[in-house]
C-alpha atoms as a PDB file:
ATOM      1  CA  MET A   1    -149.598-219.081 -78.661  1.00  0.00           C
ATOM      2  CA  VAL A   2    -147.595-217.089 -76.153  1.00  0.00           C
ATOM      3  CA  SER A   3    -144.453-219.081 -75.419  1.00  0.00           C
ATOM      4  CA  SER A   4    -142.049-216.583 -73.803  1.00  0.00           C
ATOM      5  CA  LYS A   5    -141.751-214.192 -70.866  1.00  0.00           C
ATOM      6  CA  ASP A   6    -138.964-212.319 -72.628  1.00  0.00           C
ATOM      7  CA  TYR A   7    -140.677-210.734 -75.626  1.00  0.00           C
ATOM      8  CA  TYR A   8    -144.114-209.379 -76.507  1.00  0.00           C
ATOM      9  CA  LEU A   9    -146.367-210.522 -79.323  1.00  0.00           C
ATOM     10  CA  ASP A  10    -148.752-208.156 -81.096  1.00  0.00           C
ATOM     11  CA  ALA A  11    -152.383-209.003 -80.423  1.00  0.00           C
ATOM     12  CA  PHE A  12    -155.944-207.672 -80.409  1.00  0.00           C
ATOM     13  CA  ILE A  13    -158.129-207.837 -77.324  1.00  0.00           C
ATOM     14  CA  THR A  14    -161.918-207.896 -77.110  1.00  0.00           C
ATOM     15  CA  ILE A  15    -163.754-207.684 -73.784  1.00  0.00           C
ATOM     16  CA  GLN A  16    -167.401-208.706 -73.792  1.00  0.00           C
ATOM     17  CA  GLY A  17    -168.791-207.069 -70.684  1.00  0.00           C
ATOM     18  CA  GLN A  18    -172.082-209.011 -70.747  1.00  0.00           C
ATOM     19  CA  GLY A  19    -173.912-205.924 -69.509  1.00  0.00           C
ATOM     20  CA  VAL A  20    -171.888-205.880 -66.274  1.00  0.00           C
ATOM     21  CA  TRP A  21    -168.827-204.035 -67.577  1.00  0.00           C
ATOM     22  CA  PRO A  22    -168.372-201.895 -70.685  1.00  0.00           C
ATOM     23  CA  ASP A  23    -167.368-203.693 -73.886  1.00  0.00           C
ATOM     24  CA  PHE A  24    -163.839-202.926 -75.014  1.00  0.00           C
ATOM     25  CA  GLU A  25    -161.596-203.472 -78.043  1.00  0.00           C
ATOM     26  CA  ASP A  26    -158.010-202.415 -78.694  1.00  0.00           C
ATOM     27  CA  SER A  27    -154.644-203.574 -79.966  1.00  0.00           C
ATOM     28  CA  VAL A  28    -152.305-204.823 -77.263  1.00  0.00           C
ATOM     29  CA  GLN A  29    -148.996-206.579 -76.709  1.00  0.00           C
ATOM     30  CA  ILE A  30    -148.848-209.803 -74.711  1.00  0.00           C
ATOM     31  CA  LYS A  31    -146.161-211.994 -73.171  1.00  0.00           C
ATOM     32  CA  GLY A  32    -145.868-214.554 -70.389  1.00  0.00           C
ATOM     33  CA  ARG A  33    -145.238-213.660 -66.752  1.00  0.00           C
ATOM     34  CA  GLY A  34    -144.685-215.350 -63.405  1.00  0.00           C
ATOM     35  CA  ASN A  35    -142.104-217.665 -61.917  1.00  0.00           C
ATOM     36  CA  SER A  36    -143.454-220.854 -60.337  1.00  0.00           C
ATOM     37  CA  SER A  37    -146.790-220.190 -62.078  1.00  0.00           C
ATOM     38  CA  TRP A  38    -145.174-220.132 -65.548  1.00  0.00           C
ATOM     39  CA  SER A  39    -144.809-223.238 -67.730  1.00  0.00           C
ATOM     40  CA  SER A  40    -142.667-223.580 -70.856  1.00  0.00           C
ATOM     41  CA  ASP A  41    -145.624-225.356 -72.456  1.00  0.00           C
ATOM     42  CA  PRO A  42    -147.457-222.600 -74.395  1.00  0.00           C
ATOM     43  CA  TYR A  43    -150.716-224.560 -74.114  1.00  0.00           C
ATOM     44  CA  ALA A  44    -150.553-224.763 -70.316  1.00  0.00           C
ATOM     45  CA  LYS A  45    -152.758-222.482 -68.224  1.00  0.00           C
ATOM     46  CA  ASN A  46    -150.159-219.727 -68.015  1.00  0.00           C
ATOM     47  CA  PRO A  47    -150.348-216.166 -66.667  1.00  0.00           C
ATOM     48  CA  TYR A  48    -149.815-213.224 -69.049  1.00  0.00           C
ATOM     49  CA  ARG A  49    -148.714-209.603 -69.104  1.00  0.00           C
ATOM     50  CA  LEU A  50    -150.622-207.096 -71.253  1.00  0.00           C
ATOM     51  CA  LYS A  51    -149.166-203.779 -72.408  1.00  0.00           C
ATOM     52  CA  PHE A  52    -151.168-201.127 -74.273  1.00  0.00           C
ATOM     53  CA  ALA A  53    -149.653-198.311 -76.343  1.00  0.00           C
ATOM     54  CA  SER A  54    -151.440-195.731 -74.172  1.00  0.00           C
ATOM     55  CA  SER A  55    -153.402-195.762 -70.926  1.00  0.00           C
ATOM     56  CA  VAL A  56    -156.781-197.479 -71.225  1.00  0.00           C
ATOM     57  CA  LYS A  57    -159.733-198.264 -68.923  1.00  0.00           C
ATOM     58  CA  PRO A  58    -160.680-201.937 -69.356  1.00  0.00           C
ATOM     59  CA  PHE A  59    -163.665-202.873 -67.176  1.00  0.00           C
ATOM     60  CA  GLY A  60    -163.998-199.159 -66.375  1.00  0.00           C
ATOM     61  CA  LEU A  61    -160.974-199.283 -64.059  1.00  0.00           C
ATOM     62  CA  THR A  62    -158.515-196.445 -63.514  1.00  0.00           C
ATOM     63  CA  LYS A  63    -156.465-195.822 -66.656  1.00  0.00           C
ATOM     64  CA  GLY A  64    -153.239-197.725 -67.074  1.00  0.00           C
ATOM     65  CA  LYS A  65    -150.945-199.170 -69.729  1.00  0.00           C
ATOM     66  CA  ASN A  66    -149.931-202.415 -68.008  1.00  0.00           C
ATOM     67  CA  TRP A  67    -152.240-205.206 -66.832  1.00  0.00           C
ATOM     68  CA  ASN A  68    -152.015-208.865 -65.853  1.00  0.00           C
ATOM     69  CA  LEU A  69    -154.025-211.999 -66.522  1.00  0.00           C
ATOM     70  CA  ILE A  70    -153.546-214.305 -63.519  1.00  0.00           C
ATOM     71  CA  ALA A  71    -154.151-217.995 -64.238  1.00  0.00           C
ATOM     72  CA  GLN A  72    -154.740-219.268 -60.663  1.00  0.00           C
ATOM     73  CA  ALA A  73    -153.773-222.725 -61.899  1.00  0.00           C
ATOM     74  CA  GLN A  74    -152.167-223.672 -58.564  1.00  0.00           C
ATOM     75  CA  THR A  75    -155.258-223.096 -56.405  1.00  0.00           C
ATOM     76  CA  GLY A  76    -158.222-225.429 -56.647  1.00  0.00           C
ATOM     77  CA  SER A  77    -160.918-222.932 -55.668  1.00  0.00           C
ATOM     78  CA  MET A  78    -159.494-220.040 -57.751  1.00  0.00           C
ATOM     79  CA  MET A  79    -160.754-217.767 -54.936  1.00  0.00           C
ATOM     80  CA  SER A  80    -157.623-217.079 -52.862  1.00  0.00           C
ATOM     81  CA  ASN A  81    -156.496-213.962 -54.762  1.00  0.00           C
ATOM     82  CA  ALA A  82    -160.003-212.526 -54.902  1.00  0.00           C
ATOM     83  CA  MET A  83    -160.633-213.093 -51.194  1.00  0.00           C
ATOM     84  CA  ALA A  84    -157.254-211.688 -50.134  1.00  0.00           C
ATOM     85  CA  MET A  85    -157.673-208.532 -52.222  1.00  0.00           C
ATOM     86  CA  LYS A  86    -161.230-208.091 -50.936  1.00  0.00           C
ATOM     87  CA  MET A  87    -159.935-208.267 -47.370  1.00  0.00           C
ATOM     88  CA  ALA A  88    -157.140-205.843 -48.228  1.00  0.00           C
ATOM     89  CA  ARG A  89    -159.666-203.319 -49.519  1.00  0.00           C
ATOM     90  CA  MET A  90    -161.947-203.798 -46.509  1.00  0.00           C
ATOM     91  CA  VAL A  91    -159.161-203.048 -44.007  1.00  0.00           C
ATOM     92  CA  GLY A  92    -157.632-200.254 -46.100  1.00  0.00           C
ATOM     93  CA  ALA A  93    -154.303-201.909 -46.897  1.00  0.00           C
ATOM     94  CA  ALA A  94    -152.009-200.047 -49.301  1.00  0.00           C
ATOM     95  CA  GLY A  95    -151.983-200.899 -52.995  1.00  0.00           C
ATOM     96  CA  ALA A  96    -154.775-203.509 -53.108  1.00  0.00           C
ATOM     97  CA  ASN A  97    -155.499-204.546 -56.701  1.00  0.00           C
ATOM     98  CA  ASP A  98    -158.860-204.864 -58.396  1.00  0.00           C
ATOM     99  CA  VAL A  99    -159.878-208.451 -59.162  1.00  0.00           C
ATOM    100  CA  ILE A 100    -162.067-209.034 -62.231  1.00  0.00           C
ATOM    101  CA  PRO A 101    -162.961-212.681 -63.023  1.00  0.00           C
ATOM    102  CA  VAL A 102    -162.854-213.446 -66.756  1.00  0.00           C
ATOM    103  CA  ASP A 103    -163.244-216.411 -69.077  1.00  0.00           C
ATOM    104  CA  LEU A 104    -160.240-216.202 -71.384  1.00  0.00           C
ATOM    105  CA  TYR A 105    -160.286-217.216 -75.042  1.00  0.00           C
ATOM    106  CA  MET A 106    -157.030-217.051 -76.990  1.00  0.00           C
ATOM    107  CA  ASN A 107    -156.951-217.547 -80.762  1.00  0.00           C
ATOM    108  CA  GLY A 108    -160.514-218.838 -80.518  1.00  0.00           C
ATOM    109  CA  MET A 109    -159.657-221.475 -77.885  1.00  0.00           C
ATOM    110  CA  TYR A 110    -161.035-221.431 -74.349  1.00  0.00           C
ATOM    111  CA  ARG A 111    -158.140-221.106 -71.903  1.00  0.00           C
ATOM    112  CA  GLY A 112    -160.039-221.159 -68.607  1.00  0.00           C
ATOM    113  CA  SER A 113    -161.015-218.896 -65.725  1.00  0.00           C
ATOM    114  CA  TYR A 114    -158.573-216.029 -65.109  1.00  0.00           C
ATOM    115  CA  ILE A 115    -158.253-212.859 -63.047  1.00  0.00           C
ATOM    116  CA  PHE A 116    -157.782-209.540 -64.822  1.00  0.00           C
ATOM    117  CA  THR A 117    -155.879-207.112 -62.603  1.00  0.00           C
ATOM    118  CA  GLN A 118    -153.355-204.292 -62.488  1.00  0.00           C
ATOM    119  CA  LYS A 119    -149.617-204.784 -62.883  1.00  0.00           C
ATOM    120  CA  THR A 120    -148.389-203.710 -59.466  1.00  0.00           C
ATOM    121  CA  GLY A 121    -146.054-200.741 -59.498  1.00  0.00           C
ATOM    122  CA  LEU A 122    -145.673-196.973 -59.495  1.00  0.00           C
ATOM    123  CA  ALA A 123    -148.509-196.161 -61.879  1.00  0.00           C
ATOM    124  CA  ASN A 124    -151.795-194.295 -61.663  1.00  0.00           C
ATOM    125  CA  ASN A 125    -153.774-197.535 -61.900  1.00  0.00           C
ATOM    126  CA  SER A 126    -151.727-199.175 -59.128  1.00  0.00           C
ATOM    127  CA  ILE A 127    -149.846-196.933 -56.685  1.00  0.00           C
ATOM    128  CA  ASP A 128    -150.885-193.397 -57.588  1.00  0.00           C
ATOM    129  CA  LEU A 129    -148.343-190.837 -56.375  1.00  0.00           C
ATOM    130  CA  ASP A 130    -148.336-187.102 -56.979  1.00  0.00           C
ATOM    131  CA  ASP A 131    -144.622-187.184 -57.781  1.00  0.00           C
ATOM    132  CA  GLU A 132    -142.646-190.338 -58.635  1.00  0.00           C
ATOM    133  CA  THR A 133    -139.252-188.704 -59.197  1.00  0.00           C
ATOM    134  CA  ALA A 134    -137.976-189.653 -55.719  1.00  0.00           C
ATOM    135  CA  ALA A 135    -140.107-192.787 -55.232  1.00  0.00           C
ATOM    136  CA  VAL A 136    -138.864-196.355 -55.044  1.00  0.00           C
ATOM    137  CA  PHE A 137    -140.705-199.683 -55.451  1.00  0.00           C
ATOM    138  CA  LEU A 138    -139.055-202.815 -54.073  1.00  0.00           C
ATOM    139  CA  GLU A 139    -139.810-206.521 -54.031  1.00  0.00           C
ATOM    140  CA  LEU A 140    -138.518-209.091 -51.563  1.00  0.00           C
ATOM    141  CA  ASP A 141    -138.217-212.181 -53.725  1.00  0.00           C
ATOM    142  CA  SER A 142    -135.993-215.249 -53.584  1.00  0.00           C
ATOM    143  CA  TYR A 143    -136.022-215.453 -57.394  1.00  0.00           C
ATOM    144  CA  TYR A 144    -133.775-212.374 -57.224  1.00  0.00           C
ATOM    145  CA  ASP A 145    -134.038-211.716 -60.964  1.00  0.00           C
ATOM    146  CA  GLU A 146    -134.074-207.950 -61.543  1.00  0.00           C
ATOM    147  CA  VAL A 147    -131.193-205.981 -63.065  1.00  0.00           C
ATOM    148  CA  TYR A 148    -130.933-203.820 -59.934  1.00  0.00           C
ATOM    149  CA  ARG A 149    -130.885-206.003 -56.826  1.00  0.00           C
ATOM    150  CA  PHE A 150    -129.000-206.511 -53.577  1.00  0.00           C
ATOM    151  CA  LYS A 151    -128.835-208.678 -50.479  1.00  0.00           C
ATOM    152  CA  SER A 152    -129.678-206.633 -47.394  1.00  0.00           C
ATOM    153  CA  ASP A 153    -127.045-206.065 -44.720  1.00  0.00           C
ATOM    154  CA  SER A 154    -128.587-207.511 -41.562  1.00  0.00           C
ATOM    155  CA  TYR A 155    -130.930-210.297 -42.677  1.00  0.00           C
ATOM    156  CA  ARG A 156    -129.497-210.984 -46.160  1.00  0.00           C
ATOM    157  CA  LEU A 157    -132.913-210.569 -47.740  1.00  0.00           C
ATOM    158  CA  PRO A 158    -133.091-210.730 -51.555  1.00  0.00           C
ATOM    159  CA  VAL A 159    -134.273-207.267 -52.624  1.00  0.00           C
ATOM    160  CA  ASN A 160    -135.266-206.471 -56.210  1.00  0.00           C
ATOM    161  CA  VAL A 161    -135.455-202.798 -57.146  1.00  0.00           C
ATOM    162  CA  LYS A 162    -138.494-202.886 -59.449  1.00  0.00           C
ATOM    163  CA  GLU A 163    -138.768-199.123 -59.964  1.00  0.00           C
ATOM    164  CA  PRO A 164    -137.460-196.656 -60.911  1.00  0.00           C
ATOM    165  CA  GLU A 165    -135.754-197.705 -64.123  1.00  0.00           C
ATOM    166  CA  PHE A 166    -132.446-195.988 -63.434  1.00  0.00           C
ATOM    167  CA  SER A 167    -131.287-196.423 -67.031  1.00  0.00           C
ATOM    168  CA  GLU A 168    -134.246-194.397 -68.368  1.00  0.00           C
ATOM    169  CA  GLY A 169    -133.243-191.215 -66.552  1.00  0.00           C
ATOM    170  CA  GLU A 170    -136.730-190.465 -65.194  1.00  0.00           C
ATOM    171  CA  THR A 171    -135.614-190.259 -61.566  1.00  0.00           C
ATOM    172  CA  ILE A 172    -133.398-188.117 -59.364  1.00  0.00           C
ATOM    173  CA  LEU A 173    -132.412-191.204 -57.384  1.00  0.00           C
ATOM    174  CA  SER A 174    -129.504-193.591 -57.650  1.00  0.00           C
ATOM    175  CA  TYR A 175    -129.462-197.337 -57.103  1.00  0.00           C
ATOM    176  CA  GLU A 176    -127.191-196.774 -54.102  1.00  0.00           C
ATOM    177  CA  GLN A 177    -129.776-194.485 -52.477  1.00  0.00           C
ATOM    178  CA  ALA A 178    -132.475-197.143 -52.758  1.00  0.00           C
ATOM    179  CA  MET A 179    -130.147-199.748 -51.270  1.00  0.00           C
ATOM    180  CA  ASP A 180    -128.898-197.506 -48.459  1.00  0.00           C
ATOM    181  CA  ASP A 181    -132.426-196.468 -47.464  1.00  0.00           C
ATOM    182  CA  PHE A 182    -133.650-200.072 -47.152  1.00  0.00           C
ATOM    183  CA  ASN A 183    -130.549-201.079 -45.218  1.00  0.00           C
ATOM    184  CA  ALA A 184    -131.022-198.160 -42.836  1.00  0.00           C
ATOM    185  CA  PHE A 185    -134.565-199.375 -42.098  1.00  0.00           C
ATOM    186  CA  GLU A 186    -133.426-202.975 -41.682  1.00  0.00           C
ATOM    187  CA  THR A 187    -130.547-201.998 -39.398  1.00  0.00           C
ATOM    188  CA  ALA A 188    -132.908-200.014 -37.184  1.00  0.00           C
ATOM    189  CA  LEU A 189    -135.210-203.061 -37.032  1.00  0.00           C
ATOM    190  CA  TYR A 190    -132.319-205.418 -36.283  1.00  0.00           C
ATOM    191  CA  GLU A 191    -130.935-203.179 -33.533  1.00  0.00           C
ATOM    192  CA  ASP A 192    -134.399-202.132 -32.266  1.00  0.00           C
ATOM    193  CA  THR A 193    -133.566-198.440 -32.603  1.00  0.00           C
ATOM    194  CA  HIS A 194    -136.852-196.739 -33.488  1.00  0.00           C
ATOM    195  CA  PHE A 195    -137.447-198.515 -36.794  1.00  0.00           C
ATOM    196  CA  GLU A 196    -140.963-197.035 -36.845  1.00  0.00           C
ATOM    197  CA  ARG A 197    -139.554-193.789 -38.258  1.00  0.00           C
ATOM    198  CA  PHE A 198    -138.925-195.624 -41.530  1.00  0.00           C
ATOM    199  CA  ILE A 199    -142.322-197.259 -42.022  1.00  0.00           C
ATOM    200  CA  ASP A 200    -146.061-196.604 -41.777  1.00  0.00           C
ATOM    201  CA  ILE A 201    -146.926-198.813 -38.800  1.00  0.00           C
ATOM    202  CA  ASP A 202    -150.685-198.575 -39.398  1.00  0.00           C
ATOM    203  CA  LYS A 203    -150.317-199.815 -42.992  1.00  0.00           C
ATOM    204  CA  LEU A 204    -147.929-202.550 -41.863  1.00  0.00           C
ATOM    205  CA  VAL A 205    -150.488-203.861 -39.356  1.00  0.00           C
ATOM    206  CA  ARG A 206    -153.202-203.882 -42.026  1.00  0.00           C
ATOM    207  CA  PHE A 207    -150.862-205.731 -44.408  1.00  0.00           C
ATOM    208  CA  MET A 208    -149.961-208.315 -41.768  1.00  0.00           C
ATOM    209  CA  LEU A 209    -153.629-208.799 -40.821  1.00  0.00           C
ATOM    210  CA  VAL A 210    -154.566-209.688 -44.406  1.00  0.00           C
ATOM    211  CA  ASN A 211    -151.618-212.077 -44.752  1.00  0.00           C
ATOM    212  CA  GLU A 212    -152.606-213.787 -41.493  1.00  0.00           C
ATOM    213  CA  LEU A 213    -156.280-214.147 -42.428  1.00  0.00           C
ATOM    214  CA  ALA A 214    -155.444-215.369 -45.945  1.00  0.00           C
ATOM    215  CA  LEU A 215    -152.760-217.786 -44.661  1.00  0.00           C
ATOM    216  CA  ASN A 216    -150.333-216.277 -47.145  1.00  0.00           C
ATOM    217  CA  THR A 217    -146.856-217.738 -46.575  1.00  0.00           C
ATOM    218  CA  GLU A 218    -145.006-215.695 -49.191  1.00  0.00           C
ATOM    219  CA  LEU A 219    -143.325-213.700 -46.412  1.00  0.00           C
ATOM    220  CA  ASN A 220    -141.499-216.851 -45.343  1.00  0.00           C
ATOM    221  CA  HIS A 221    -139.609-217.382 -48.613  1.00  0.00           C
ATOM    222  CA  PRO A 222    -139.774-214.379 -49.225  1.00  0.00           C
ATOM    223  CA  LYS A 223    -141.579-214.093 -52.562  1.00  0.00           C
ATOM    224  CA  SER A 224    -143.714-211.361 -54.106  1.00  0.00           C
ATOM    225  CA  VAL A 225    -143.550-209.078 -51.055  1.00  0.00           C
ATOM    226  CA  PHE A 226    -143.791-205.480 -52.282  1.00  0.00           C
ATOM    227  CA  LEU A 227    -142.758-202.261 -50.572  1.00  0.00           C
ATOM    228  CA  TYR A 228    -142.738-198.673 -51.765  1.00  0.00           C
ATOM    229  CA  LYS A 229    -141.635-195.307 -50.472  1.00  0.00           C
ATOM    230  CA  GLU A 230    -143.050-192.117 -51.928  1.00  0.00           C
ATOM    231  CA  SER A 231    -139.862-190.145 -51.449  1.00  0.00           C
ATOM    232  CA  LEU A 232    -136.422-191.277 -50.352  1.00  0.00           C
ATOM    233  CA  ASN A 233    -135.800-187.658 -49.412  1.00  0.00           C
ATOM    234  CA  ASP A 234    -138.322-187.934 -46.553  1.00  0.00           C
ATOM    235  CA  MET A 235    -136.993-189.343 -43.305  1.00  0.00           C
END
């Protein structure tokens, strides 16, 4: 059983599409994921991260290497994620994931009803950009557990820099640029000095509408609030 969020196990995945989606088989790596949704008990209904060696199209979705299995163990109806993402797609919010309901079996044992979905990030199956070399992907999250992170200047928000991976050398950006750009936006918001030049107001309204309709309170912590900018060179 998968007992760690820190290392992957080699595995083999089979998807039985039941005539609705295409059948699929491949080798894959799997590990745990999540914070409050993760349990140290490997037999609990835990969420998982899947990583393929190359980009694949499970369920006929856009190709990608990284995917998630969301357990939904904390919600009785197991519908909140599906409904929120459906609303996000209907209003045209940025970066709305696909939601595929699955019955998960692991090592021959039934593990329950899960959601199969994209790992959110700068990838062609999540946020598809023409050029990622100057892009940044941030998360406001009180767990504050990424290598590159900072507390913002005005509101002291916990900001995780999820991408790019500065150590891998696939970006023209620096960690300081990502931090300075966010702080410039936050300062403009704090001082009410034309903060709209830093953000897509239309997309923000759509995002806020979905959060309001879904009664999502993650903004209040904050937890799992994602932001991206296609190019830090654009002001």
